[in-house]
N, C-alpha and C. Protein backbone atom coordinates (compact mmCIF):
# COMPACT_ATOMS: atom_id res chain seq x y z
N UNK A 1 5.07 -14.42 -7.99
CA UNK A 1 4.64 -15.09 -6.91
C UNK A 1 5.81 -14.53 -5.47
N UNK A 2 6.55 -14.49 -5.79
CA UNK A 2 7.60 -14.50 -4.70
C UNK A 2 7.80 -13.27 -4.27
N UNK A 3 7.68 -12.12 -5.26
CA UNK A 3 7.56 -10.86 -4.61
C UNK A 3 6.16 -10.31 -3.84
N UNK A 4 5.31 -11.84 -4.31
CA UNK A 4 3.50 -11.31 -3.31
C UNK A 4 4.05 -12.10 -2.28
N UNK A 5 4.49 -12.83 -2.02
CA UNK A 5 4.87 -13.75 -0.67
C UNK A 5 6.08 -13.03 -0.13
N UNK A 6 7.24 -12.16 -0.36
CA UNK A 6 7.35 -10.92 0.18
C UNK A 6 6.67 -9.91 0.70
N UNK A 7 5.79 -9.52 -0.15
CA UNK A 7 4.93 -8.36 0.27
C UNK A 7 3.85 -9.08 1.34
N UNK A 8 3.37 -10.17 1.04
CA UNK A 8 2.63 -10.63 2.36
C UNK A 8 3.46 -10.65 3.37
N UNK A 9 4.87 -10.83 3.48
CA UNK A 9 5.45 -11.31 4.91
C UNK A 9 5.36 -9.94 5.47
N UNK A 10 5.96 -9.18 4.67
CA UNK A 10 6.29 -7.47 5.24
C UNK A 10 4.86 -6.92 5.74
N UNK A 11 4.26 -7.14 4.95
CA UNK A 11 2.48 -6.42 5.51
C UNK A 11 1.94 -7.35 6.58
N UNK A 12 2.14 -8.96 6.73
CA UNK A 12 1.79 -9.75 8.12
C UNK A 12 2.68 -8.95 9.15
N UNK A 13 3.64 -8.83 9.10
CA UNK A 13 5.12 -8.65 9.95
C UNK A 13 4.91 -7.18 10.39
N UNK A 14 4.80 -6.26 9.51
CA UNK A 14 5.05 -4.76 10.35
C UNK A 14 3.70 -4.11 9.79
N UNK A 15 2.23 -5.08 9.48
CA UNK A 15 1.00 -4.42 9.26
C UNK A 15 0.98 -3.01 8.15
N UNK A 16 1.92 -3.03 7.76
CA UNK A 16 2.08 -2.28 6.72
C UNK A 16 3.26 -2.71 5.68
N UNK A 17 3.58 -1.91 4.64
CA UNK A 17 4.62 -1.75 3.78
C UNK A 17 4.50 -2.55 2.25
N UNK A 18 3.51 -3.24 2.08
CA UNK A 18 3.79 -4.47 1.20
C UNK A 18 3.71 -3.46 -0.21
N UNK A 19 3.35 -2.58 -0.31
CA UNK A 19 3.29 -1.51 -1.63
C UNK A 19 4.78 -1.02 -1.86
N UNK A 20 5.39 -0.96 -0.96
CA UNK A 20 6.99 -0.36 -0.70
C UNK A 20 7.97 -1.23 -1.59
N UNK A 21 7.53 -2.95 -1.63
CA UNK A 21 7.93 -3.93 -2.38
C UNK A 21 7.57 -3.57 -3.60
N UNK A 22 6.22 -4.07 -3.80
CA UNK A 22 5.49 -4.15 -5.55
C UNK A 22 5.60 -3.11 -6.33
N UNK A 23 5.25 -1.86 -5.63
CA UNK A 23 5.15 -0.52 -7.02
C UNK A 23 6.67 -0.71 -7.63
N UNK A 24 8.32 -0.17 -6.94
CA UNK A 24 9.21 -0.32 -7.42
C UNK A 24 9.60 -1.90 -8.14
N UNK A 25 8.96 -2.79 -7.81
CA UNK A 25 9.16 -3.92 -8.51
C UNK A 25 8.43 -4.07 -9.88
N UNK A 26 7.04 -3.57 -9.66
CA UNK A 26 6.22 -4.03 -10.98
C UNK A 26 6.87 -2.58 -12.05
N UNK A 27 7.06 -1.43 -11.35
CA UNK A 27 7.77 -0.58 -12.28
C UNK A 27 9.14 -0.61 -12.56
N UNK A 28 10.16 -1.25 -11.96
CA UNK A 28 11.59 -1.60 -12.81
C UNK A 28 11.44 -2.93 -13.36
N UNK A 29 11.09 -3.64 -12.51
CA UNK A 29 11.36 -5.06 -13.25
C UNK A 29 10.59 -5.31 -14.34
N UNK A 30 9.32 -5.48 -13.81
CA UNK A 30 8.24 -5.84 -15.20
C UNK A 30 7.84 -4.48 -16.00
N UNK A 31 8.58 -3.39 -15.62
CA UNK A 31 8.30 -2.49 -16.84
C UNK A 31 7.27 -1.88 -16.85
N UNK A 32 6.11 -1.67 -15.91
CA UNK A 32 4.75 -1.55 -15.75
C UNK A 32 4.39 0.02 -15.78
N UNK A 33 3.81 0.80 -16.57
CA UNK A 33 4.01 1.96 -16.20
C UNK A 33 3.51 2.71 -14.83
N UNK A 34 3.81 3.62 -14.47
CA UNK A 34 3.61 4.25 -12.63
C UNK A 34 2.12 3.52 -12.58
N UNK A 35 1.32 4.38 -13.32
CA UNK A 35 0.04 4.17 -12.75
C UNK A 35 -0.89 2.88 -12.68
N UNK A 36 -0.58 2.16 -13.64
CA UNK A 36 -0.76 0.87 -13.74
C UNK A 36 -0.23 -0.16 -12.30
N UNK A 37 1.20 -0.01 -12.30
CA UNK A 37 2.12 -0.37 -11.22
C UNK A 37 1.22 0.00 -10.05
N UNK A 38 0.75 1.46 -9.47
CA UNK A 38 -0.08 1.89 -8.37
C UNK A 38 -1.13 0.92 -8.10
N UNK A 39 -1.71 0.63 -9.02
CA UNK A 39 -3.33 0.06 -9.29
C UNK A 39 -3.03 -0.96 -9.08
N UNK A 40 -2.53 -1.84 -9.63
CA UNK A 40 -1.93 -3.30 -9.44
C UNK A 40 -1.83 -3.56 -8.06
N UNK A 41 -1.08 -2.62 -7.64
CA UNK A 41 -0.47 -2.52 -6.29
C UNK A 41 -1.49 -2.24 -4.85
N UNK A 42 -2.15 -1.66 -5.32
CA UNK A 42 -3.55 -1.67 -4.65
C UNK A 42 -4.39 -3.27 -4.53
N UNK A 43 -4.62 -3.20 -5.47
CA UNK A 43 -5.30 -4.95 -5.42
C UNK A 43 -4.63 -5.66 -4.56
N UNK A 44 -3.61 -5.79 -5.33
CA UNK A 44 -3.07 -6.72 -4.08
C UNK A 44 -2.68 -6.70 -2.73
N UNK A 45 -2.43 -5.57 -2.46
CA UNK A 45 -2.52 -5.09 -0.78
C UNK A 45 -3.98 -5.37 -0.08
N UNK A 46 -5.18 -4.95 -1.24
CA UNK A 46 -6.28 -4.87 -0.59
C UNK A 46 -6.36 -7.32 -0.03
N UNK A 47 -5.82 -7.61 -0.81
CA UNK A 47 -5.62 -9.10 -0.66
C UNK A 47 -4.88 -9.48 0.98
N UNK A 48 -3.59 -8.56 0.30
CA UNK A 48 -2.97 -9.18 1.74
C UNK A 48 -3.57 -8.75 3.12
N UNK A 49 -4.51 -7.19 3.12
CA UNK A 49 -4.51 -6.86 3.94
C UNK A 49 -6.10 -7.69 4.64
N UNK A 50 -7.02 -8.35 3.50
CA UNK A 50 -7.91 -9.08 3.88
C UNK A 50 -7.43 -10.50 4.78
N UNK A 51 -6.64 -10.73 4.29
CA UNK A 51 -5.73 -11.90 4.86
C UNK A 51 -5.13 -11.68 6.53
N UNK A 52 -4.15 -10.57 6.49
CA UNK A 52 -3.74 -10.51 7.85
C UNK A 52 -4.94 -10.09 8.23
N UNK A 53 -6.13 -9.39 8.24
CA UNK A 53 -6.94 -8.68 9.15
C UNK A 53 -7.55 -9.94 9.82
N UNK A 54 -7.82 -11.02 8.73
CA UNK A 54 -9.24 -12.40 9.15
C UNK A 54 -7.96 -12.73 11.10
N UNK A 55 -7.05 -12.57 10.37
CA UNK A 55 -5.96 -13.59 11.21
C UNK A 55 -6.18 -12.49 12.68
N UNK A 56 -5.65 -11.06 12.19
CA UNK A 56 -6.07 -10.00 13.88
C UNK A 56 -7.46 -10.47 14.45
N UNK A 57 -8.51 -10.52 13.41
CA UNK A 57 -9.78 -10.74 13.94
C UNK A 57 -9.85 -11.77 14.54
N UNK A 58 -9.12 -13.11 14.27
CA UNK A 58 -9.38 -14.10 15.15
C UNK A 58 -8.84 -14.05 16.27
N UNK A 59 -8.21 -13.14 16.71
CA UNK A 59 -7.46 -13.15 17.94
C UNK A 59 -7.81 -12.01 19.05
N UNK A 60 -8.67 -11.50 18.43
CA UNK A 60 -9.56 -10.46 18.73
C UNK A 60 -8.52 -8.95 18.66
N UNK A 61 -8.07 -8.68 18.02
CA UNK A 61 -7.29 -7.84 18.28
C UNK A 61 -7.64 -6.68 17.72
N UNK A 62 -8.64 -6.58 17.39
CA UNK A 62 -9.33 -5.19 16.22
C UNK A 62 -10.23 -4.01 17.16
N UNK A 63 -9.81 -2.89 17.50
CA UNK A 63 -10.26 -1.71 18.32
C UNK A 63 -11.27 -1.35 17.16
N UNK A 64 -13.28 -1.77 17.18
CA UNK A 64 -13.45 -1.41 16.50
C UNK A 64 -13.76 -0.07 15.88
N UNK A 65 -13.76 0.56 16.78
CA UNK A 65 -14.54 2.29 17.81
C UNK A 65 -13.39 2.94 16.67
N UNK A 66 -12.30 2.63 16.77
CA UNK A 66 -10.61 3.36 15.90
C UNK A 66 -10.80 2.95 14.19
N UNK A 67 -10.96 1.42 14.29
CA UNK A 67 -11.12 0.79 12.85
C UNK A 67 -12.35 1.25 12.01
N UNK A 68 -13.49 1.69 12.33
CA UNK A 68 -14.25 1.64 11.64
C UNK A 68 -14.43 3.33 11.10
N UNK A 69 -13.69 4.27 11.65
CA UNK A 69 -13.76 5.54 11.55
C UNK A 69 -12.10 5.73 10.48
N UNK A 70 -11.41 4.63 10.96
CA UNK A 70 -9.96 4.82 9.98
C UNK A 70 -10.15 4.59 8.55
N UNK A 71 -11.29 3.21 8.78
CA UNK A 71 -11.83 2.67 7.19
C UNK A 71 -12.45 3.65 6.60
N UNK A 72 -13.44 4.70 7.07
CA UNK A 72 -14.34 5.49 6.63
C UNK A 72 -13.12 6.72 6.25
N UNK A 73 -12.22 7.36 6.64
CA UNK A 73 -11.34 8.16 6.49
C UNK A 73 -10.20 7.47 5.21
N UNK A 74 -10.23 6.46 5.23
CA UNK A 74 -9.45 5.41 4.08
C UNK A 74 -10.43 5.21 2.93
N UNK A 75 -11.48 4.93 3.17
CA UNK A 75 -12.39 5.35 1.64
C UNK A 75 -12.42 6.63 1.30
N UNK A 76 -12.35 7.66 1.90
CA UNK A 76 -12.94 9.31 0.78
C UNK A 76 -10.86 9.40 0.63
N UNK A 77 -9.76 9.23 1.46
CA UNK A 77 -8.24 9.33 1.12
C UNK A 77 -8.37 8.58 -0.26
N UNK A 78 -8.56 7.32 -0.21
CA UNK A 78 -8.37 6.58 -1.45
C UNK A 78 -8.70 6.66 -2.93
N UNK A 79 -10.16 7.47 -2.57
CA UNK A 79 -11.10 7.98 -3.37
C UNK A 79 -10.22 9.44 -3.76
N UNK A 80 -9.80 9.92 -3.41
CA UNK A 80 -9.46 11.43 -3.46
C UNK A 80 -7.95 10.72 -4.24
N UNK A 81 -7.15 9.65 -3.55
CA UNK A 81 -5.98 10.16 -4.12
C UNK A 81 -5.54 8.77 -5.58
N UNK A 82 -6.56 8.70 -5.58
CA UNK A 82 -6.84 7.46 -6.84
C UNK A 82 -6.97 8.88 -8.23
N UNK A 83 -7.91 9.61 -7.95
CA UNK A 83 -8.17 10.74 -8.30
C UNK A 83 -6.78 11.51 -9.13
N UNK A 84 -6.27 12.24 -8.28
CA UNK A 84 -5.01 12.36 -8.40
C UNK A 84 -4.19 11.51 -9.18
N UNK A 85 -3.95 10.10 -8.93
CA UNK A 85 -3.10 9.54 -9.54
C UNK A 85 -3.14 9.42 -10.83
N UNK A 86 -4.66 9.35 -11.42
CA UNK A 86 -4.82 9.58 -12.87
C UNK A 86 -4.73 10.71 -13.71
N UNK A 87 -4.77 12.01 -12.65
CA UNK A 87 -4.16 12.92 -13.58
C UNK A 87 -2.67 13.23 -13.28
N UNK A 88 -1.91 12.83 -12.19
CA UNK A 88 -0.68 12.94 -12.12
C UNK A 88 0.11 12.61 -13.26
N UNK A 89 1.38 13.12 -13.68
CA UNK A 89 2.34 12.74 -14.49
C UNK A 89 3.31 11.68 -13.78
N UNK A 90 3.70 10.80 -15.24
CA UNK A 90 4.89 9.95 -14.43
C UNK A 90 6.12 10.28 -13.26
N UNK A 91 6.59 11.63 -13.89
CA UNK A 91 7.67 12.12 -13.23
C UNK A 91 6.95 12.61 -11.26
N UNK A 92 5.83 13.11 -11.56
CA UNK A 92 5.14 13.33 -9.97
C UNK A 92 5.67 12.50 -9.60
N UNK A 93 4.66 10.90 -9.50
CA UNK A 93 4.73 10.25 -9.22
C UNK A 93 5.71 9.52 -8.35
N UNK A 94 6.72 9.82 -9.71
CA UNK A 94 8.02 9.08 -9.10
C UNK A 94 8.96 9.94 -8.12
N UNK A 95 8.68 11.25 -8.19
CA UNK A 95 9.12 12.20 -7.54
C UNK A 95 8.76 12.10 -5.57
N UNK A 96 7.32 12.32 -5.70
CA UNK A 96 6.28 11.99 -4.49
C UNK A 96 6.68 10.58 -3.86
N UNK A 97 6.70 9.85 -4.74
CA UNK A 97 7.08 8.39 -4.08
C UNK A 97 7.93 8.02 -3.45
N UNK A 98 9.25 8.53 -3.82
CA UNK A 98 10.68 8.88 -3.24
C UNK A 98 10.60 9.79 -1.75
N UNK A 99 9.87 10.81 -2.25
CA UNK A 99 9.96 11.82 -0.70
C UNK A 99 9.28 11.10 0.30
N UNK A 100 8.23 10.52 -0.20
CA UNK A 100 7.31 9.25 0.73
C UNK A 100 8.25 8.54 1.37
N UNK A 101 9.24 7.69 0.78
CA UNK A 101 10.15 6.84 1.20
C UNK A 101 11.04 7.38 2.14
N UNK A 102 11.47 8.57 1.90
CA UNK A 102 12.64 9.15 2.63
C UNK A 102 11.88 9.74 3.86
N UNK A 103 10.97 10.34 3.56
CA UNK A 103 10.54 10.65 4.67
C UNK A 103 9.84 9.47 5.95
N UNK A 104 9.41 8.33 5.52
CA UNK A 104 9.03 6.98 5.99
C UNK A 104 10.47 6.51 6.32
N UNK A 105 11.48 6.59 5.99
CA UNK A 105 12.56 6.01 6.53
C UNK A 105 13.17 6.90 7.65
N UNK A 106 13.25 8.08 7.74
CA UNK A 106 13.87 9.56 8.44
C UNK A 106 12.99 8.96 9.65
N UNK A 107 11.30 8.97 9.66
CA UNK A 107 10.68 8.73 10.78
C UNK A 107 11.05 7.35 11.71
N UNK A 108 11.26 6.14 10.78
CA UNK A 108 11.56 5.08 11.51
C UNK A 108 13.11 5.14 12.37
N UNK A 109 13.78 5.42 11.61
CA UNK A 109 14.76 5.91 12.45
C UNK A 109 14.87 6.64 13.63
């Protein structure tokens, strides 16, 4: 529950990033296999996003034109990404996640 709380705080504060905490936690600390950790994280993020989204909806912060276009693209990307995830090996997942984290960190700096 503590890691879920932290992921929720990160997600609510930065509007993203809960998975950056959850995937390493589940795969390293809980010793989940990579695919299961990512799939579990996706479900957790869904709940986090719904919670944050309700708050932002109540504050009238949502641009519906952009959000609906992104949502449709996200559905397609999520479908394709999950297909690739199921066909990828553990090493590929680890390396691609590390590369993504480095890229995201450099872009933020």
